[in-house]
N, C-alpha and C. Protein backbone atom coordinates (compact mmCIF):
# COMPACT_ATOMS: atom_id res chain seq x y z
N MET A 1 -123.00 81.30 96.32
CA MET A 1 -123.01 81.97 97.61
C MET A 1 -122.10 83.17 97.57
N GLY A 2 -122.46 84.23 98.23
CA GLY A 2 -121.64 85.43 98.32
C GLY A 2 -120.94 85.44 99.65
N LEU A 3 -120.24 86.49 99.84
CA LEU A 3 -119.57 86.69 101.13
C LEU A 3 -120.59 87.02 102.18
N PRO A 4 -120.38 86.57 103.39
CA PRO A 4 -121.26 87.03 104.48
C PRO A 4 -121.13 88.54 104.60
N LYS A 5 -122.16 89.17 105.17
CA LYS A 5 -122.21 90.61 105.21
C LYS A 5 -120.98 91.24 105.90
N HIS A 6 -120.56 90.69 107.01
CA HIS A 6 -119.42 91.28 107.73
C HIS A 6 -118.13 91.14 106.94
N ASP A 7 -117.95 90.08 106.15
CA ASP A 7 -116.77 89.92 105.30
C ASP A 7 -116.77 90.94 104.16
N ALA A 8 -117.92 91.18 103.60
CA ALA A 8 -118.03 92.15 102.52
C ALA A 8 -117.70 93.55 103.03
N VAL A 9 -118.15 93.87 104.21
CA VAL A 9 -117.85 95.19 104.78
C VAL A 9 -116.37 95.31 105.08
N MET A 10 -115.74 94.29 105.61
CA MET A 10 -114.31 94.33 105.90
C MET A 10 -113.48 94.44 104.62
N GLU A 11 -113.94 93.74 103.57
CA GLU A 11 -113.23 93.83 102.28
C GLU A 11 -113.32 95.23 101.71
N GLU A 12 -114.48 95.86 101.85
CA GLU A 12 -114.67 97.21 101.35
C GLU A 12 -113.77 98.19 102.10
N HIS A 13 -113.61 98.05 103.39
CA HIS A 13 -112.82 98.97 104.18
C HIS A 13 -111.33 98.62 104.16
N SER A 14 -110.94 97.49 103.63
CA SER A 14 -109.54 97.12 103.61
C SER A 14 -108.78 97.83 102.50
N SER A 15 -109.44 98.46 101.57
CA SER A 15 -108.75 99.19 100.51
C SER A 15 -108.24 100.49 101.06
N THR A 16 -107.49 101.23 100.25
CA THR A 16 -106.88 102.49 100.69
C THR A 16 -107.81 103.67 100.54
N GLY A 17 -109.06 103.45 100.24
CA GLY A 17 -110.01 104.54 100.05
C GLY A 17 -110.16 105.41 101.28
N TRP A 18 -110.14 104.81 102.45
CA TRP A 18 -110.32 105.59 103.66
C TRP A 18 -109.11 106.48 103.94
N VAL A 19 -107.94 106.06 103.49
CA VAL A 19 -106.74 106.89 103.69
C VAL A 19 -106.83 108.14 102.79
N ARG A 20 -107.19 107.94 101.55
CA ARG A 20 -107.33 109.05 100.63
C ARG A 20 -108.40 110.02 101.08
N GLU A 21 -109.46 109.50 101.63
CA GLU A 21 -110.54 110.33 102.11
C GLU A 21 -110.06 111.23 103.24
N ILE A 22 -109.21 110.71 104.12
CA ILE A 22 -108.72 111.51 105.23
C ILE A 22 -107.66 112.51 104.76
N LEU A 23 -106.78 112.10 103.83
CA LEU A 23 -105.68 112.95 103.41
C LEU A 23 -106.04 113.95 102.30
N ALA A 24 -107.18 113.79 101.64
CA ALA A 24 -107.54 114.67 100.54
C ALA A 24 -107.61 116.13 100.95
N PRO A 25 -108.21 116.50 102.07
CA PRO A 25 -108.22 117.94 102.43
C PRO A 25 -106.84 118.47 102.79
N LEU A 26 -105.89 117.61 103.08
CA LEU A 26 -104.56 118.04 103.50
C LEU A 26 -103.56 118.07 102.33
N ARG A 27 -104.03 117.81 101.12
CA ARG A 27 -103.15 117.73 99.95
C ARG A 27 -102.36 119.03 99.75
N SER A 28 -103.00 120.19 99.84
CA SER A 28 -102.30 121.44 99.64
C SER A 28 -101.28 121.68 100.75
N LEU A 29 -101.58 121.25 101.97
CA LEU A 29 -100.64 121.40 103.08
C LEU A 29 -99.37 120.55 102.79
N TYR A 30 -99.57 119.31 102.36
CA TYR A 30 -98.43 118.45 102.07
C TYR A 30 -97.60 119.02 100.90
N ARG A 31 -98.28 119.60 99.92
CA ARG A 31 -97.56 120.22 98.80
C ARG A 31 -96.71 121.38 99.28
N ASP A 32 -97.29 122.24 100.12
CA ASP A 32 -96.54 123.36 100.64
C ASP A 32 -95.36 122.93 101.48
N ILE A 33 -95.55 121.93 102.31
CA ILE A 33 -94.47 121.39 103.14
C ILE A 33 -93.36 120.82 102.25
N GLY A 34 -93.75 120.12 101.19
CA GLY A 34 -92.75 119.56 100.28
C GLY A 34 -91.94 120.64 99.58
N ILE A 35 -92.59 121.70 99.15
CA ILE A 35 -91.89 122.82 98.49
C ILE A 35 -90.94 123.50 99.47
N ILE A 36 -91.40 123.78 100.67
CA ILE A 36 -90.57 124.42 101.67
C ILE A 36 -89.38 123.53 102.02
N SER A 37 -89.63 122.23 102.16
CA SER A 37 -88.58 121.29 102.49
C SER A 37 -87.51 121.25 101.40
N PHE A 38 -87.96 121.33 100.14
CA PHE A 38 -87.02 121.33 99.02
C PHE A 38 -86.08 122.52 99.10
N PHE A 39 -86.64 123.73 99.35
CA PHE A 39 -85.82 124.92 99.37
C PHE A 39 -84.91 124.97 100.62
N VAL A 40 -85.37 124.45 101.74
CA VAL A 40 -84.52 124.40 102.91
C VAL A 40 -83.34 123.46 102.67
N ASN A 41 -83.58 122.33 102.04
CA ASN A 41 -82.50 121.40 101.73
C ASN A 41 -81.55 121.96 100.69
N LEU A 42 -82.11 122.69 99.73
CA LEU A 42 -81.25 123.36 98.74
C LEU A 42 -80.34 124.37 99.42
N LEU A 43 -80.88 125.13 100.35
CA LEU A 43 -80.09 126.10 101.10
C LEU A 43 -79.02 125.37 101.94
N ALA A 44 -79.40 124.26 102.53
CA ALA A 44 -78.44 123.51 103.35
C ALA A 44 -77.29 122.97 102.51
N LEU A 45 -77.51 122.70 101.26
CA LEU A 45 -76.44 122.24 100.35
C LEU A 45 -75.65 123.43 99.80
N ALA A 46 -76.30 124.56 99.59
CA ALA A 46 -75.65 125.71 98.96
C ALA A 46 -74.70 126.43 99.94
N VAL A 47 -75.03 126.47 101.20
CA VAL A 47 -74.20 127.20 102.16
C VAL A 47 -72.79 126.62 102.25
N PRO A 48 -72.58 125.32 102.40
CA PRO A 48 -71.21 124.81 102.43
C PRO A 48 -70.45 125.03 101.11
N VAL A 49 -71.13 124.89 100.00
CA VAL A 49 -70.47 125.10 98.72
C VAL A 49 -70.03 126.57 98.60
N PHE A 50 -70.91 127.48 99.00
CA PHE A 50 -70.55 128.91 98.96
C PHE A 50 -69.39 129.19 99.90
N THR A 51 -69.40 128.59 101.08
CA THR A 51 -68.34 128.79 102.05
C THR A 51 -67.00 128.27 101.53
N MET A 52 -67.00 127.15 100.84
CA MET A 52 -65.77 126.61 100.31
C MET A 52 -65.20 127.48 99.19
N GLN A 53 -66.06 128.19 98.45
CA GLN A 53 -65.62 129.02 97.34
C GLN A 53 -65.10 130.38 97.80
N VAL A 54 -65.52 130.81 98.97
CA VAL A 54 -65.16 132.13 99.46
C VAL A 54 -63.88 132.10 100.22
């Protein structure tokens, strides 16, 4: 015996495939946000160090 039809559908949708499908078009946006966030945090760390040295 196999799974009833509704159980098979729920099992198929319970994987993370639907999340990847939604986030795939936004991948470049997340990359850009990550790069910008890195440089902003680097600046936030560099300013106090520069101020202490001056």
